[in-house]
Structure formats: structure tokens, C-alpha cells
Amino acid sequence: MKVYTKTGDRGETGLFGGARVSKASARVDAYGDVDELNSTLGMVLVHAPPAAVARELERIQGELFQLGAELSCVPGKSDKLSTPLLDESQVLALETAIDCLEERLEPLTSFVLPGGSASAAALHVARTVCRRAERKLVALIADESLRPELIRYLNRLSDLLFVMARFSNAEAKRPDVPWNPRTSG
């Protein structure tokens, strides 16, 4: 089987369910950002985050694939997907992971700049990609109906990625990088 199909050579792509849409459509833009987020998490994993973080990220990568599959489907046809849809249990799992990691961290006393250890910096990049993907889903809702669990999932995931960055710094015995407004600008 060849990787290239030539069916997208005119700027369109196929959705699962048969419809063809512009590659510039809000739906394709949204699932493209989810795909980028998944790839970014793969990059985080090569920076050897703590084992607890790595286990969560591997699970999350599968869930992001589920989210992307739903977004790449013709609206109303997601019941035809061979993969289960994300639901509230995955949102709750993210909240549980946040709580478990946060209880092992010192309380925040200032805003934190991206940095510290390599894995923490990579997690901060993933957090910003996640926020962009979330914004794209919100924009897509203006045109199409989406299940609210998808927005909640990305919102909690960005919070978890922030906590994972702080946890990675703590495990590496590297301090978070505090923002000091007096030294800025």
C-alpha cells in the first residue's frame, strides 16, 4: 500500500464517513492541532520525564488519537468509528492525575516561566500546543456541534501538562523558573 493517494492534491481531504472538505476547514485545523499535540507528547517522552509522567503521557497519546478520530469523522457518523469516544471518565482521570502529582509539589508562590529541566520545558511546549488545540475546538463549535467532553478533556489536559512540568522539575531537583515582573522589560 502506498502512503500517497494524490486525493488531496487539490487542497481537500476526506473525512471518515465519506465527505470531502477543504484542508483549511475549521474541522481539519482542529484535528491537525490535536495531532500536533500528540506528536509533541512523543517529543516529551524522548526527554525522559519521570516514570509517573511517562506512563500518563503514553495513555494520553492513545486518548488523543481517539479525539482526533472523532474530529476527523463526518458530524453525526462517529458511531461508525471502530474506536470508543472519549467520555467523562477520561476527564476525571486527568483530574485524578493532577491531584496525585500536585500533592507531591510545593504550593505555587508565583507565576512560572517555561524551563528548568529538559522534560519540563518540553511539557510546557506541549501545554501551549494543547491550549491552541482547545482554542481550535472552541472555534469549531461556532460552526458545528461538538460534544462538550472534548473541550473539557483538552482544558484539563493543559492543566495536567503544567503540573507535569512542575513535577518533572521537582523530580530532577531543578527549581521552577519563577516570573519576576520587576526584572521583565
C-alpha atoms as a PDB file:
ATOM      1  CA  MET A   1       0.000   0.000   0.000  1.00  0.00           C
ATOM      2  CA  LYS A   2       1.378   3.406  -0.951  1.00  0.00           C
ATOM      3  CA  VAL A   3       1.424   6.239   1.557  1.00  0.00           C
ATOM      4  CA  TYR A   4       0.429   8.821  -1.010  1.00  0.00           C
ATOM      5  CA  THR A   5      -3.027   8.754  -2.575  1.00  0.00           C
ATOM      6  CA  LYS A   6      -2.986  12.013  -4.562  1.00  0.00           C
ATOM      7  CA  THR A   7      -6.580  12.624  -3.425  1.00  0.00           C
ATOM      8  CA  GLY A   8      -5.502  15.741  -1.509  1.00  0.00           C
ATOM      9  CA  ASP A   9      -3.647  17.366  -4.353  1.00  0.00           C
ATOM     10  CA  ARG A  10      -6.415  19.951  -4.839  1.00  0.00           C
ATOM     11  CA  GLY A  11      -6.460  21.101  -1.216  1.00  0.00           C
ATOM     12  CA  GLU A  12      -9.182  18.783   0.038  1.00  0.00           C
ATOM     13  CA  THR A  13      -9.163  15.829   2.371  1.00  0.00           C
ATOM     14  CA  GLY A  14     -11.617  13.079   3.153  1.00  0.00           C
ATOM     15  CA  LEU A  15     -13.368  12.726   6.465  1.00  0.00           C
ATOM     16  CA  PHE A  16     -14.280   9.337   7.863  1.00  0.00           C
ATOM     17  CA  GLY A  17     -17.792   8.829   6.569  1.00  0.00           C
ATOM     18  CA  GLY A  18     -17.050   9.972   3.035  1.00  0.00           C
ATOM     19  CA  ALA A  19     -17.314  13.756   2.916  1.00  0.00           C
ATOM     20  CA  ARG A  20     -14.549  15.818   1.330  1.00  0.00           C
ATOM     21  CA  VAL A  21     -13.628  19.137   2.924  1.00  0.00           C
ATOM     22  CA  SER A  22     -11.032  21.850   2.445  1.00  0.00           C
ATOM     23  CA  LYS A  23      -7.769  21.238   4.249  1.00  0.00           C
ATOM     24  CA  ALA A  24      -8.258  24.787   5.567  1.00  0.00           C
ATOM     25  CA  SER A  25     -11.587  23.959   7.224  1.00  0.00           C
ATOM     26  CA  ALA A  26     -12.018  24.546  10.947  1.00  0.00           C
ATOM     27  CA  ARG A  27     -12.504  20.798  11.499  1.00  0.00           C
ATOM     28  CA  VAL A  28      -9.254  19.842   9.759  1.00  0.00           C
ATOM     29  CA  ASP A  29      -7.465  22.677  11.571  1.00  0.00           C
ATOM     30  CA  ALA A  30      -8.742  21.349  14.912  1.00  0.00           C
ATOM     31  CA  TYR A  31      -7.760  17.729  14.385  1.00  0.00           C
ATOM     32  CA  GLY A  32      -4.436  18.860  12.949  1.00  0.00           C
ATOM     33  CA  ASP A  33      -3.643  20.627  16.218  1.00  0.00           C
ATOM     34  CA  VAL A  34      -4.676  17.536  18.190  1.00  0.00           C
ATOM     35  CA  ASP A  35      -2.308  15.506  16.001  1.00  0.00           C
ATOM     36  CA  GLU A  36       0.466  18.049  16.609  1.00  0.00           C
ATOM     37  CA  LEU A  37      -0.187  17.816  20.352  1.00  0.00           C
ATOM     38  CA  ASN A  38       0.127  14.035  20.185  1.00  0.00           C
ATOM     39  CA  SER A  39       3.439  14.361  18.329  1.00  0.00           C
ATOM     40  CA  THR A  40       4.616  16.914  20.876  1.00  0.00           C
ATOM     41  CA  LEU A  41       3.907  14.420  23.662  1.00  0.00           C
ATOM     42  CA  GLY A  42       6.072  11.947  21.769  1.00  0.00           C
ATOM     43  CA  MET A  43       8.864  14.527  21.864  1.00  0.00           C
ATOM     44  CA  VAL A  44       8.326  14.977  25.605  1.00  0.00           C
ATOM     45  CA  LEU A  45       8.815  11.232  26.077  1.00  0.00           C
ATOM     46  CA  VAL A  46      12.266  11.297  24.458  1.00  0.00           C
ATOM     47  CA  HIS A  47      13.309  13.813  27.136  1.00  0.00           C
ATOM     48  CA  ALA A  48      12.895  11.056  29.760  1.00  0.00           C
ATOM     49  CA  PRO A  49      10.295  12.573  32.074  1.00  0.00           C
ATOM     50  CA  PRO A  50       9.701  10.864  35.429  1.00  0.00           C
ATOM     51  CA  ALA A  51       8.176   7.389  35.112  1.00  0.00           C
ATOM     52  CA  ALA A  52       4.817   8.508  36.545  1.00  0.00           C
ATOM     53  CA  VAL A  53       4.609  11.240  33.909  1.00  0.00           C
ATOM     54  CA  ALA A  54       5.694   8.938  31.085  1.00  0.00           C
ATOM     55  CA  ARG A  55       3.009   6.361  31.951  1.00  0.00           C
ATOM     56  CA  GLU A  56       0.313   9.036  31.889  1.00  0.00           C
ATOM     57  CA  LEU A  57       1.564  10.514  28.625  1.00  0.00           C
ATOM     58  CA  GLU A  58       1.509   7.126  26.901  1.00  0.00           C
ATOM     59  CA  ARG A  59      -2.123   6.659  27.963  1.00  0.00           C
ATOM     60  CA  ILE A  60      -2.975  10.213  26.902  1.00  0.00           C
ATOM     61  CA  GLN A  61      -1.449   9.686  23.456  1.00  0.00           C
ATOM     62  CA  GLY A  62      -3.995   6.935  22.836  1.00  0.00           C
ATOM     63  CA  GLU A  63      -6.806   9.175  24.041  1.00  0.00           C
ATOM     64  CA  LEU A  64      -5.668  11.987  21.753  1.00  0.00           C
ATOM     65  CA  PHE A  65      -5.820   9.534  18.879  1.00  0.00           C
ATOM     66  CA  GLN A  66      -9.431   8.817  19.877  1.00  0.00           C
ATOM     67  CA  LEU A  67     -10.188  12.546  19.992  1.00  0.00           C
ATOM     68  CA  GLY A  68      -8.575  13.078  16.589  1.00  0.00           C
ATOM     69  CA  ALA A  69     -10.539  10.182  15.118  1.00  0.00           C
ATOM     70  CA  GLU A  70     -13.801  11.721  16.284  1.00  0.00           C
ATOM     71  CA  LEU A  71     -12.856  15.109  14.857  1.00  0.00           C
ATOM     72  CA  SER A  72     -11.865  13.558  11.510  1.00  0.00           C
ATOM     73  CA  CYS A  73     -15.282  11.995  11.193  1.00  0.00           C
ATOM     74  CA  VAL A  74     -18.308  13.400   9.384  1.00  0.00           C
ATOM     75  CA  PRO A  75     -20.518  15.017  12.051  1.00  0.00           C
ATOM     76  CA  GLY A  76     -23.169  12.574  13.196  1.00  0.00           C
ATOM     77  CA  LYS A  77     -21.249   9.499  11.976  1.00  0.00           C
ATOM     78  CA  SER A  78     -18.974   8.959  14.984  1.00  0.00           C
ATOM     79  CA  ASP A  79     -20.979   5.885  15.968  1.00  0.00           C
ATOM     80  CA  LYS A  80     -19.395   4.205  12.926  1.00  0.00           C
ATOM     81  CA  LEU A  81     -15.860   4.607  14.321  1.00  0.00           C
ATOM     82  CA  SER A  82     -14.123   1.452  15.478  1.00  0.00           C
ATOM     83  CA  THR A  83     -12.605   3.315  18.427  1.00  0.00           C
ATOM     84  CA  PRO A  84     -14.560   4.336  21.544  1.00  0.00           C
ATOM     85  CA  LEU A  85     -15.279   8.009  22.082  1.00  0.00           C
ATOM     86  CA  LEU A  86     -13.757   9.948  24.936  1.00  0.00           C
ATOM     87  CA  ASP A  87     -16.146  10.409  27.808  1.00  0.00           C
ATOM     88  CA  GLU A  88     -16.274  11.975  31.238  1.00  0.00           C
ATOM     89  CA  SER A  89     -14.214   9.122  32.733  1.00  0.00           C
ATOM     90  CA  GLN A  90     -11.138  10.292  30.800  1.00  0.00           C
ATOM     91  CA  VAL A  91     -11.686  13.870  32.023  1.00  0.00           C
ATOM     92  CA  LEU A  92     -11.905  12.556  35.595  1.00  0.00           C
ATOM     93  CA  ALA A  93      -8.728  10.506  35.081  1.00  0.00           C
ATOM     94  CA  LEU A  94      -6.898  13.705  34.120  1.00  0.00           C
ATOM     95  CA  GLU A  95      -8.207  15.425  37.261  1.00  0.00           C
ATOM     96  CA  THR A  96      -7.075  12.484  39.391  1.00  0.00           C
ATOM     97  CA  ALA A  97      -3.606  12.632  37.826  1.00  0.00           C
ATOM     98  CA  ILE A  98      -3.428  16.382  38.513  1.00  0.00           C
ATOM     99  CA  ASP A  99      -4.389  15.859  42.156  1.00  0.00           C
ATOM    100  CA  CYS A 100      -1.900  12.994  42.642  1.00  0.00           C
ATOM    101  CA  LEU A 101       1.017  14.967  41.232  1.00  0.00           C
ATOM    102  CA  GLU A 102       0.081  18.261  42.884  1.00  0.00           C
ATOM    103  CA  GLU A 103       0.015  16.748  46.358  1.00  0.00           C
ATOM    104  CA  ARG A 104       3.709  15.931  45.892  1.00  0.00           C
ATOM    105  CA  LEU A 105       4.623  19.527  44.927  1.00  0.00           C
ATOM    106  CA  GLU A 106       5.293  22.676  46.884  1.00  0.00           C
ATOM    107  CA  PRO A 107       2.467  25.199  46.514  1.00  0.00           C
ATOM    108  CA  LEU A 108       2.891  27.813  43.794  1.00  0.00           C
ATOM    109  CA  THR A 109       4.015  31.200  45.093  1.00  0.00           C
ATOM    110  CA  SER A 110       4.499  32.950  41.747  1.00  0.00           C
ATOM    111  CA  PHE A 111       3.829  32.578  38.064  1.00  0.00           C
ATOM    112  CA  VAL A 112       6.176  30.073  36.449  1.00  0.00           C
ATOM    113  CA  LEU A 113       8.106  30.570  33.226  1.00  0.00           C
ATOM    114  CA  PRO A 114       8.708  27.585  30.934  1.00  0.00           C
ATOM    115  CA  GLY A 115      12.031  25.970  31.703  1.00  0.00           C
ATOM    116  CA  GLY A 116      14.001  24.063  34.279  1.00  0.00           C
ATOM    117  CA  SER A 117      14.698  20.523  33.140  1.00  0.00           C
ATOM    118  CA  ALA A 118      14.511  19.392  29.513  1.00  0.00           C
ATOM    119  CA  SER A 119      11.368  17.353  30.133  1.00  0.00           C
ATOM    120  CA  ALA A 120       9.699  20.249  31.981  1.00  0.00           C
ATOM    121  CA  ALA A 121      10.467  22.662  29.140  1.00  0.00           C
ATOM    122  CA  ALA A 122       9.082  20.131  26.620  1.00  0.00           C
ATOM    123  CA  LEU A 123       5.948  19.722  28.740  1.00  0.00           C
ATOM    124  CA  HIS A 124       5.449  23.496  28.722  1.00  0.00           C
ATOM    125  CA  VAL A 125       5.637  23.440  24.912  1.00  0.00           C
ATOM    126  CA  ALA A 126       3.055  20.625  24.903  1.00  0.00           C
ATOM    127  CA  ARG A 127       0.854  22.700  27.230  1.00  0.00           C
ATOM    128  CA  THR A 128       0.824  25.617  24.793  1.00  0.00           C
ATOM    129  CA  VAL A 129       0.062  23.324  21.847  1.00  0.00           C
ATOM    130  CA  CYS A 130      -2.781  21.856  23.917  1.00  0.00           C
ATOM    131  CA  ARG A 131      -4.189  25.331  24.618  1.00  0.00           C
ATOM    132  CA  ARG A 132      -4.106  26.084  20.876  1.00  0.00           C
ATOM    133  CA  ALA A 133      -5.913  22.830  20.098  1.00  0.00           C
ATOM    134  CA  GLU A 134      -8.501  23.767  22.714  1.00  0.00           C
ATOM    135  CA  ARG A 135      -8.996  27.185  21.079  1.00  0.00           C
ATOM    136  CA  LYS A 136      -9.466  25.486  17.696  1.00  0.00           C
ATOM    137  CA  LEU A 137     -12.184  23.253  19.152  1.00  0.00           C
ATOM    138  CA  VAL A 138     -13.905  26.287  20.625  1.00  0.00           C
ATOM    139  CA  ALA A 139     -13.767  27.972  17.194  1.00  0.00           C
ATOM    140  CA  LEU A 140     -15.163  24.829  15.568  1.00  0.00           C
ATOM    141  CA  ILE A 141     -18.131  24.896  17.956  1.00  0.00           C
ATOM    142  CA  ALA A 142     -19.143  28.210  16.364  1.00  0.00           C
ATOM    143  CA  ASP A 143     -19.871  26.285  13.136  1.00  0.00           C
ATOM    144  CA  GLU A 144     -20.621  22.740  14.244  1.00  0.00           C
ATOM    145  CA  SER A 145     -21.892  20.859  17.239  1.00  0.00           C
ATOM    146  CA  LEU A 146     -19.268  19.047  19.308  1.00  0.00           C
ATOM    147  CA  ARG A 147     -19.574  17.001  22.438  1.00  0.00           C
ATOM    148  CA  PRO A 148     -18.594  19.153  25.456  1.00  0.00           C
ATOM    149  CA  GLU A 149     -16.362  16.379  26.830  1.00  0.00           C
ATOM    150  CA  LEU A 150     -13.835  17.175  24.088  1.00  0.00           C
ATOM    151  CA  ILE A 151     -13.327  20.752  25.273  1.00  0.00           C
ATOM    152  CA  ARG A 152     -13.234  19.674  28.922  1.00  0.00           C
ATOM    153  CA  TYR A 153     -10.666  16.999  28.085  1.00  0.00           C
ATOM    154  CA  LEU A 154      -8.251  19.428  26.432  1.00  0.00           C
ATOM    155  CA  ASN A 155      -8.801  22.006  29.160  1.00  0.00           C
ATOM    156  CA  ARG A 156      -7.883  19.506  31.899  1.00  0.00           C
ATOM    157  CA  LEU A 157      -5.028  18.120  29.820  1.00  0.00           C
ATOM    158  CA  SER A 158      -3.365  21.533  29.578  1.00  0.00           C
ATOM    159  CA  ASP A 159      -3.634  21.854  33.370  1.00  0.00           C
ATOM    160  CA  LEU A 160      -2.110  18.391  33.777  1.00  0.00           C
ATOM    161  CA  LEU A 161       0.748  19.236  31.420  1.00  0.00           C
ATOM    162  CA  PHE A 162       1.542  22.298  33.553  1.00  0.00           C
ATOM    163  CA  VAL A 163       1.558  20.196  36.726  1.00  0.00           C
ATOM    164  CA  MET A 164       3.650  17.526  34.979  1.00  0.00           C
ATOM    165  CA  ALA A 165       6.206  20.196  34.050  1.00  0.00           C
ATOM    166  CA  ARG A 166       6.462  21.287  37.674  1.00  0.00           C
ATOM    167  CA  PHE A 167       6.654  17.652  38.810  1.00  0.00           C
ATOM    168  CA  SER A 168       9.402  16.944  36.279  1.00  0.00           C
ATOM    169  CA  ASN A 169      11.423  19.851  37.646  1.00  0.00           C
ATOM    170  CA  ALA A 170      10.902  18.667  41.219  1.00  0.00           C
ATOM    171  CA  GLU A 171      11.973  15.118  40.358  1.00  0.00           C
ATOM    172  CA  ALA A 172      15.069  16.463  38.562  1.00  0.00           C
ATOM    173  CA  LYS A 173      15.815  18.642  41.608  1.00  0.00           C
ATOM    174  CA  ARG A 174      15.541  21.699  39.380  1.00  0.00           C
ATOM    175  CA  PRO A 175      13.542  24.673  40.623  1.00  0.00           C
ATOM    176  CA  ASP A 176      10.670  26.039  38.614  1.00  0.00           C
ATOM    177  CA  VAL A 177      11.595  29.270  36.863  1.00  0.00           C
ATOM    178  CA  PRO A 178       9.660  31.992  38.687  1.00  0.00           C
ATOM    179  CA  TRP A 179       8.451  35.012  36.798  1.00  0.00           C
ATOM    180  CA  ASN A 180       9.698  38.203  38.374  1.00  0.00           C
ATOM    181  CA  PRO A 181       7.798  41.185  36.971  1.00  0.00           C
ATOM    182  CA  ARG A 182      10.441  43.584  38.334  1.00  0.00           C
ATOM    183  CA  THR A 183      13.134  42.141  36.045  1.00  0.00           C
ATOM    184  CA  SER A 184      10.941  41.977  32.933  1.00  0.00           C
ATOM    185  CA  GLY A 185      11.113  44.606  30.224  1.00  0.00           C
END
